[in-house]
């Protein structure tokens, strides 16, 4: 578990102790961020003036994107991509924030990729209040997630091209993976959009108009991603059905060819079996030309049956 406290006051942002951050009441604001891979408890938040409802929301085991007003603060839960190499059972990891005037408490179970970008903006002097911090997270998360959603559509376009070229093998697993990822992403992308839209409508003195503009921009990006994911899911379902139909047609075609070959050799097998019986009275059994005569008859019969199938257009694809 790690706990980072950053003070943004009159000067440059600087890291302080959690105790100093909890007691700070001067200009600017403090950001106390907890990153815990294990089960955090409420003791981590003692002495930080957090309502019980907000504290329980910060350490909840299972979360979904949400935004709720509690007095003069807001609980904001968002989901974003994890840092590279982080193993997580969920496609997206959560960040829970309790924001109010002068202070922001946040908690993540897994490292969030957007946190690095947010800290860089803070060090550059672009984050000066809690509204800036929440807006920065909203923009960073949506910016990190947007290319991944776009990649799903690009992979699906490639699958459609390969399908049109007749490359139907090994596409089933790819399409199934794309559809599964789209469903996993959309599970959190749509609630992210709803949470940010609600946050932009809340009236807080610590949430400036430019912060609302950035939050609406991120919400719009999430809305577009939700629409793209819905389209990817539907296109994946259609491609899966088309792939199933093509494989069924291919199997039917092969079964037809097998049946044709079997039908051609069926009379030939009957004739050779009949003439191969070990009984007396078989015609021409002592003739030197009987074997070649039977071969010629079988060839003519096979050609005749094949020509009959071709005349009925059963040999065409």
Protein backbone atom coordinates (compact mmCIF):
# COMPACT_ATOMS: atom_id res chain seq x y z
CA UNK A 1 0.00 0.00 0.00
CA UNK A 2 1.25 3.53 -0.76
CA UNK A 3 -0.15 6.88 0.27
CA UNK A 4 0.88 10.05 -1.54
CA UNK A 5 -0.07 13.55 -0.43
CA UNK A 6 0.56 16.55 -2.68
CA UNK A 7 0.03 20.13 -1.58
CA UNK A 8 -0.81 22.73 -4.21
CA UNK A 9 -0.56 26.06 -2.43
CA UNK A 10 0.87 29.42 -3.39
CA UNK A 11 4.09 27.92 -4.72
CA UNK A 12 5.00 24.87 -6.76
CA UNK A 13 3.28 21.57 -5.89
CA UNK A 14 5.18 19.63 -3.24
CA UNK A 15 4.79 16.30 -1.53
CA UNK A 16 3.88 16.38 2.15
CA UNK A 17 3.10 13.80 4.80
CA UNK A 18 -0.46 12.44 5.05
CA UNK A 19 -0.79 13.94 8.55
CA UNK A 20 0.26 17.38 7.33
CA UNK A 21 -2.09 17.12 4.37
CA UNK A 22 -5.02 16.10 6.58
CA UNK A 23 -4.47 19.11 8.83
CA UNK A 24 -3.83 21.66 6.08
CA UNK A 25 -6.38 24.49 5.74
CA UNK A 26 -4.44 27.18 3.87
CA UNK A 27 -4.69 28.40 0.27
CA UNK A 28 -4.82 26.03 -2.65
CA UNK A 29 -5.71 22.40 -2.00
CA UNK A 30 -4.23 19.07 -1.03
CA UNK A 31 -4.56 15.77 -2.84
CA UNK A 32 -4.23 12.58 -0.80
CA UNK A 33 -3.98 9.52 -3.02
CA UNK A 34 -3.97 5.93 -1.69
CA UNK A 35 -2.93 3.02 -3.87
CA UNK A 36 -3.65 -0.32 -2.21
CA UNK A 37 -3.53 -3.72 -3.87
CA UNK A 38 -4.89 -5.27 -0.67
CA UNK A 39 -8.19 -4.70 1.07
CA UNK A 40 -8.09 -1.12 2.42
CA UNK A 41 -10.03 -0.23 5.54
CA UNK A 42 -11.58 2.90 6.96
CA UNK A 43 -8.61 3.47 9.29
CA UNK A 44 -6.68 4.81 6.29
CA UNK A 45 -9.09 7.73 6.17
CA UNK A 46 -9.16 8.58 9.90
CA UNK A 47 -8.68 12.25 10.71
CA UNK A 48 -9.37 13.45 7.17
CA UNK A 49 -12.86 14.87 7.72
CA UNK A 50 -14.63 12.41 5.39
CA UNK A 51 -18.31 11.54 5.89
CA UNK A 52 -18.99 7.87 6.56
CA UNK A 53 -20.91 7.45 3.30
CA UNK A 54 -18.02 8.88 1.31
CA UNK A 55 -15.46 6.80 3.23
CA UNK A 56 -17.39 3.60 2.54
CA UNK A 57 -17.59 4.53 -1.15
CA UNK A 58 -13.82 5.05 -1.28
CA UNK A 59 -12.96 1.61 0.13
CA UNK A 60 -15.84 -0.38 -1.42
CA UNK A 61 -14.80 -3.74 -2.84
CA UNK A 62 -16.89 -3.51 -6.00
CA UNK A 63 -17.54 -0.18 -7.68
CA UNK A 64 -19.04 1.17 -10.85
CA UNK A 65 -18.70 4.68 -12.30
CA UNK A 66 -20.93 7.07 -10.38
CA UNK A 67 -21.28 10.64 -9.18
CA UNK A 68 -23.16 11.54 -6.00
CA UNK A 69 -23.37 14.83 -4.17
CA UNK A 70 -22.84 14.69 -0.40
CA UNK A 71 -23.29 18.13 1.19
CA UNK A 72 -20.65 20.38 -0.39
CA UNK A 73 -18.60 17.55 -1.86
CA UNK A 74 -18.97 14.88 -4.50
CA UNK A 75 -18.11 11.20 -4.72
CA UNK A 76 -16.78 10.53 -8.23
CA UNK A 77 -15.93 6.99 -9.33
CA UNK A 78 -14.41 6.49 -12.77
CA UNK A 79 -12.92 3.54 -14.64
CA UNK A 80 -9.84 3.75 -16.83
CA UNK A 81 -7.06 1.68 -18.32
CA UNK A 82 -4.45 0.24 -15.98
CA UNK A 83 -0.74 0.88 -16.27
CA UNK A 84 1.11 -1.39 -18.68
CA UNK A 85 1.97 -4.74 -17.13
CA UNK A 86 -0.65 -4.52 -14.38
CA UNK A 87 -2.63 -7.73 -14.00
CA UNK A 88 -6.29 -7.02 -13.31
CA UNK A 89 -9.36 -9.23 -13.57
CA UNK A 90 -11.41 -6.29 -14.82
CA UNK A 91 -10.77 -4.73 -18.20
CA UNK A 92 -10.67 -1.28 -16.55
CA UNK A 93 -9.54 -0.33 -13.06
CA UNK A 94 -11.35 2.16 -10.86
CA UNK A 95 -10.41 5.37 -9.15
CA UNK A 96 -12.66 6.66 -6.38
CA UNK A 97 -12.49 10.37 -5.51
CA UNK A 98 -14.02 12.40 -2.69
CA UNK A 99 -13.69 16.03 -3.79
CA UNK A 100 -14.65 19.17 -1.92
CA UNK A 101 -13.26 22.66 -1.41
CA UNK A 102 -9.58 22.55 -0.55
CA UNK A 103 -9.08 18.78 -0.56
CA UNK A 104 -9.38 15.63 -2.68
CA UNK A 105 -9.08 12.07 -1.39
CA UNK A 106 -8.65 9.35 -3.98
CA UNK A 107 -8.06 5.60 -3.87
CA UNK A 108 -7.20 2.98 -6.46
CA UNK A 109 -6.70 -0.79 -6.11
CA UNK A 110 -4.44 -1.00 -9.16
CA UNK A 111 -2.15 1.62 -10.75
CA UNK A 112 -4.12 3.78 -13.17
CA UNK A 113 -2.42 4.89 -16.38
CA UNK A 114 -4.05 8.33 -16.21
CA UNK A 115 -2.43 9.13 -12.84
CA UNK A 116 0.97 9.72 -14.40
CA UNK A 117 -0.48 12.23 -16.86
CA UNK A 118 -2.39 13.99 -14.07
CA UNK A 119 0.74 14.35 -11.93
CA UNK A 120 2.63 15.77 -14.92
CA UNK A 121 -0.10 18.38 -15.39
CA UNK A 122 0.02 19.18 -11.68
CA UNK A 123 3.80 19.67 -11.75
CA UNK A 124 3.37 21.91 -14.78
CA UNK A 125 1.08 24.18 -12.75
CA UNK A 126 -2.11 23.35 -14.69
CA UNK A 127 -4.03 21.93 -11.71
CA UNK A 128 -4.84 24.51 -9.06
CA UNK A 129 -8.03 23.31 -7.38
CA UNK A 130 -10.13 20.15 -6.86
CA UNK A 131 -12.20 20.90 -9.96
CA UNK A 132 -9.04 20.98 -12.10
CA UNK A 133 -7.96 17.63 -10.64
CA UNK A 134 -11.26 15.88 -11.34
CA UNK A 135 -11.42 17.37 -14.84
CA UNK A 136 -7.81 16.31 -15.50
CA UNK A 137 -8.60 12.74 -14.53
CA UNK A 138 -11.70 12.74 -16.74
CA UNK A 139 -9.72 13.98 -19.75
CA UNK A 140 -6.74 11.70 -19.13
CA UNK A 141 -8.88 8.58 -18.70
CA UNK A 142 -10.92 9.29 -21.83
CA UNK A 143 -7.75 10.08 -23.82
CA UNK A 144 -6.11 6.82 -22.70
CA UNK A 145 -9.19 4.76 -23.50
CA UNK A 146 -10.10 6.31 -26.86
CA UNK A 147 -7.29 4.65 -28.92
CA UNK A 148 -8.07 1.23 -27.42
CA UNK A 149 -11.71 1.49 -28.45
CA UNK A 150 -10.66 2.68 -31.92
CA UNK A 151 -8.32 -0.32 -32.22
CA UNK A 152 -11.27 -2.68 -31.70
CA UNK A 153 -13.00 -1.15 -34.70
CA UNK A 154 -9.81 -1.36 -36.79
CA UNK A 155 -9.33 -5.06 -35.97
CA UNK A 156 -12.96 -5.68 -36.87
CA UNK A 157 -12.45 -3.88 -40.21
CA UNK A 158 -9.51 -6.20 -40.88
CA UNK A 159 -11.68 -9.22 -40.05
CA UNK A 160 -14.33 -8.03 -42.50
CA UNK A 161 -11.67 -7.67 -45.22
CA UNK A 162 -10.28 -11.14 -44.55
CA UNK A 163 -13.79 -12.54 -44.55
CA UNK A 164 -14.54 -10.92 -47.91
CA UNK A 165 -11.36 -12.48 -49.31
CA UNK A 166 -12.54 -15.91 -48.19
CA UNK A 167 -10.15 -16.28 -45.24
CA UNK A 168 -12.72 -17.65 -42.84
CA UNK A 169 -10.43 -19.87 -40.78
CA UNK A 170 -9.13 -18.66 -37.41
CA UNK A 171 -11.41 -15.62 -37.54
CA UNK A 172 -13.92 -17.00 -35.09
CA UNK A 173 -11.59 -16.59 -32.08
CA UNK A 174 -10.60 -13.06 -33.13
CA UNK A 175 -14.20 -11.94 -33.58
CA UNK A 176 -15.23 -13.53 -30.28
CA UNK A 177 -12.37 -11.73 -28.50
CA UNK A 178 -13.31 -8.38 -30.04
CA UNK A 179 -16.94 -8.82 -29.04
CA UNK A 180 -15.97 -9.81 -25.49
CA UNK A 181 -13.67 -6.80 -25.13
CA UNK A 182 -16.34 -4.44 -26.49
CA UNK A 183 -18.83 -5.74 -23.93
CA UNK A 184 -16.26 -5.38 -21.12
CA UNK A 185 -15.39 -1.83 -22.12
CA UNK A 186 -18.97 -0.72 -22.58
CA UNK A 187 -19.84 -2.02 -19.11
CA UNK A 188 -17.89 0.91 -17.67
CA UNK A 189 -17.66 3.44 -20.51
CA UNK A 190 -21.37 4.25 -20.53
CA UNK A 191 -21.52 4.77 -16.72
CA UNK A 192 -18.37 6.94 -16.98
CA UNK A 193 -20.29 9.15 -19.40
CA UNK A 194 -23.31 9.35 -17.09
CA UNK A 195 -21.18 10.15 -14.03
CA UNK A 196 -19.35 13.00 -15.78
CA UNK A 197 -22.54 14.44 -17.22
CA UNK A 198 -24.05 14.51 -13.74
CA UNK A 199 -20.90 16.05 -12.25
CA UNK A 200 -20.92 18.85 -14.83
CA UNK A 201 -24.45 19.77 -13.75
CA UNK A 202 -23.68 20.01 -10.02
CA UNK A 203 -23.27 23.50 -8.60
CA UNK A 204 -20.07 23.70 -6.53
CA UNK A 205 -18.01 26.79 -5.83
CA UNK A 206 -14.85 24.70 -6.29
CA UNK A 207 -15.94 23.57 -9.76
CA UNK A 208 -15.21 26.40 -12.20
CA UNK A 209 -16.85 26.87 -15.56
CA UNK A 210 -13.74 25.81 -17.46
CA UNK A 211 -13.67 22.63 -15.35
CA UNK A 212 -17.26 21.94 -16.35
CA UNK A 213 -16.32 22.48 -19.98
CA UNK A 214 -13.48 19.96 -19.77
CA UNK A 215 -15.71 17.47 -17.94
CA UNK A 216 -18.41 17.84 -20.62
CA UNK A 217 -15.75 17.32 -23.27
CA UNK A 218 -14.62 14.09 -21.61
CA UNK A 219 -18.25 12.99 -21.19
CA UNK A 220 -18.83 13.59 -24.89
CA UNK A 221 -15.77 11.47 -25.70
CA UNK A 222 -17.10 8.70 -23.46
CA UNK A 223 -20.49 8.96 -25.20
CA UNK A 224 -18.83 8.57 -28.59
CA UNK A 225 -16.83 5.58 -27.33
CA UNK A 226 -20.02 3.99 -25.97
CA UNK A 227 -21.64 4.35 -29.39
CA UNK A 228 -18.54 2.91 -31.08
CA UNK A 229 -18.50 -0.05 -28.69
CA UNK A 230 -22.17 -0.72 -29.34
CA UNK A 231 -21.48 -0.67 -33.08
CA UNK A 232 -18.48 -3.00 -32.63
CA UNK A 233 -20.59 -5.42 -30.61
CA UNK A 234 -23.34 -5.50 -33.24
CA UNK A 235 -20.87 -5.79 -36.12
CA UNK A 236 -19.10 -8.63 -34.30
CA UNK A 237 -22.39 -10.47 -33.88
CA UNK A 238 -23.17 -10.04 -37.60
CA UNK A 239 -19.68 -11.18 -38.60
CA UNK A 240 -19.98 -14.19 -36.33
CA UNK A 241 -23.27 -15.14 -37.96
CA UNK A 242 -21.80 -14.60 -41.43
CA UNK A 243 -18.78 -16.71 -40.57
CA UNK A 244 -21.04 -19.48 -39.29
CA UNK A 245 -23.09 -19.35 -42.50
CA UNK A 246 -19.96 -19.48 -44.69
CA UNK A 247 -18.58 -22.45 -42.80
CA UNK A 248 -21.93 -24.21 -43.04
CA UNK A 249 -22.03 -23.56 -46.80
CA UNK A 250 -18.49 -24.86 -47.16
CA UNK A 251 -19.35 -28.02 -45.22
CA UNK A 252 -22.47 -28.52 -47.35
CA UNK A 253 -20.42 -28.11 -50.50
CA UNK A 254 -17.86 -30.64 -49.36
CA UNK A 255 -20.57 -33.05 -48.32
CA UNK A 256 -22.10 -32.69 -51.78
CA UNK A 257 -18.79 -33.52 -53.47
CA UNK A 258 -18.34 -36.55 -51.24
CA UNK A 259 -21.86 -37.70 -52.08
CA UNK A 260 -21.21 -37.25 -55.80
CA UNK A 261 -18.01 -39.27 -55.65
CA UNK A 262 -19.77 -41.96 -53.64
CA UNK A 263 -22.64 -42.03 -56.15
CA UNK A 264 -20.18 -42.38 -59.05
CA UNK A 265 -18.39 -45.31 -57.46
CA UNK A 266 -21.51 -47.01 -56.16
CA UNK A 267 -22.46 -48.74 -59.47
CA UNK A 268 -18.79 -49.44 -60.18
CA UNK A 269 -18.44 -51.11 -56.82
CA UNK A 270 -21.55 -53.16 -57.49
CA UNK A 271 -20.24 -54.33 -60.85
CA UNK A 272 -16.77 -55.22 -59.59
CA UNK A 273 -18.28 -56.97 -56.58
CA UNK A 274 -20.66 -58.93 -58.78
CA UNK A 275 -17.93 -60.03 -61.17
CA UNK A 276 -15.58 -60.83 -58.31
CA UNK A 277 -17.81 -63.58 -56.82
CA UNK A 278 -16.06 -66.94 -56.59
CA UNK A 279 -18.78 -68.94 -58.37
CA UNK A 280 -19.05 -70.72 -61.70
CA UNK A 281 -20.95 -69.21 -64.61
CA UNK A 282 -19.43 -65.71 -64.66
CA UNK A 283 -19.45 -64.60 -68.32
CA UNK A 284 -16.14 -64.23 -70.13
CA UNK A 285 -14.16 -65.40 -67.12
CA UNK A 286 -11.68 -67.19 -69.41
CA UNK A 287 -11.58 -64.52 -72.13
CA UNK A 288 -8.21 -62.66 -72.42
CA UNK A 289 -10.05 -59.41 -73.15
CA UNK A 290 -12.67 -59.64 -70.36
CA UNK A 291 -10.67 -57.55 -67.83
CA UNK A 292 -10.10 -54.63 -70.21
CA UNK A 293 -13.72 -54.83 -71.28
CA UNK A 294 -14.88 -54.48 -67.68
CA UNK A 295 -12.43 -51.58 -67.15
CA UNK A 296 -13.73 -49.82 -70.25
CA UNK A 297 -17.32 -50.34 -69.15
CA UNK A 298 -16.57 -48.90 -65.70
CA UNK A 299 -14.86 -45.87 -67.24
CA UNK A 300 -17.78 -45.21 -69.56
CA UNK A 301 -20.26 -45.61 -66.69
CA UNK A 302 -18.25 -43.25 -64.44
CA UNK A 303 -18.02 -40.62 -67.20
CA UNK A 304 -21.75 -40.94 -67.88
CA UNK A 305 -22.67 -40.43 -64.22
CA UNK A 306 -20.28 -37.46 -63.97
CA UNK A 307 -21.76 -35.92 -67.12
CA UNK A 308 -25.24 -36.34 -65.65
CA UNK A 309 -24.21 -34.48 -62.49
CA UNK A 310 -22.59 -31.74 -64.58
CA UNK A 311 -25.73 -31.40 -66.68
CA UNK A 312 -27.73 -30.78 -63.51
CA UNK A 313 -25.15 -28.13 -62.41
CA UNK A 314 -24.34 -30.00 -59.22
CA UNK A 315 -20.59 -29.70 -59.78
CA UNK A 316 -20.53 -25.90 -59.78
CA UNK A 317 -19.72 -23.81 -56.73
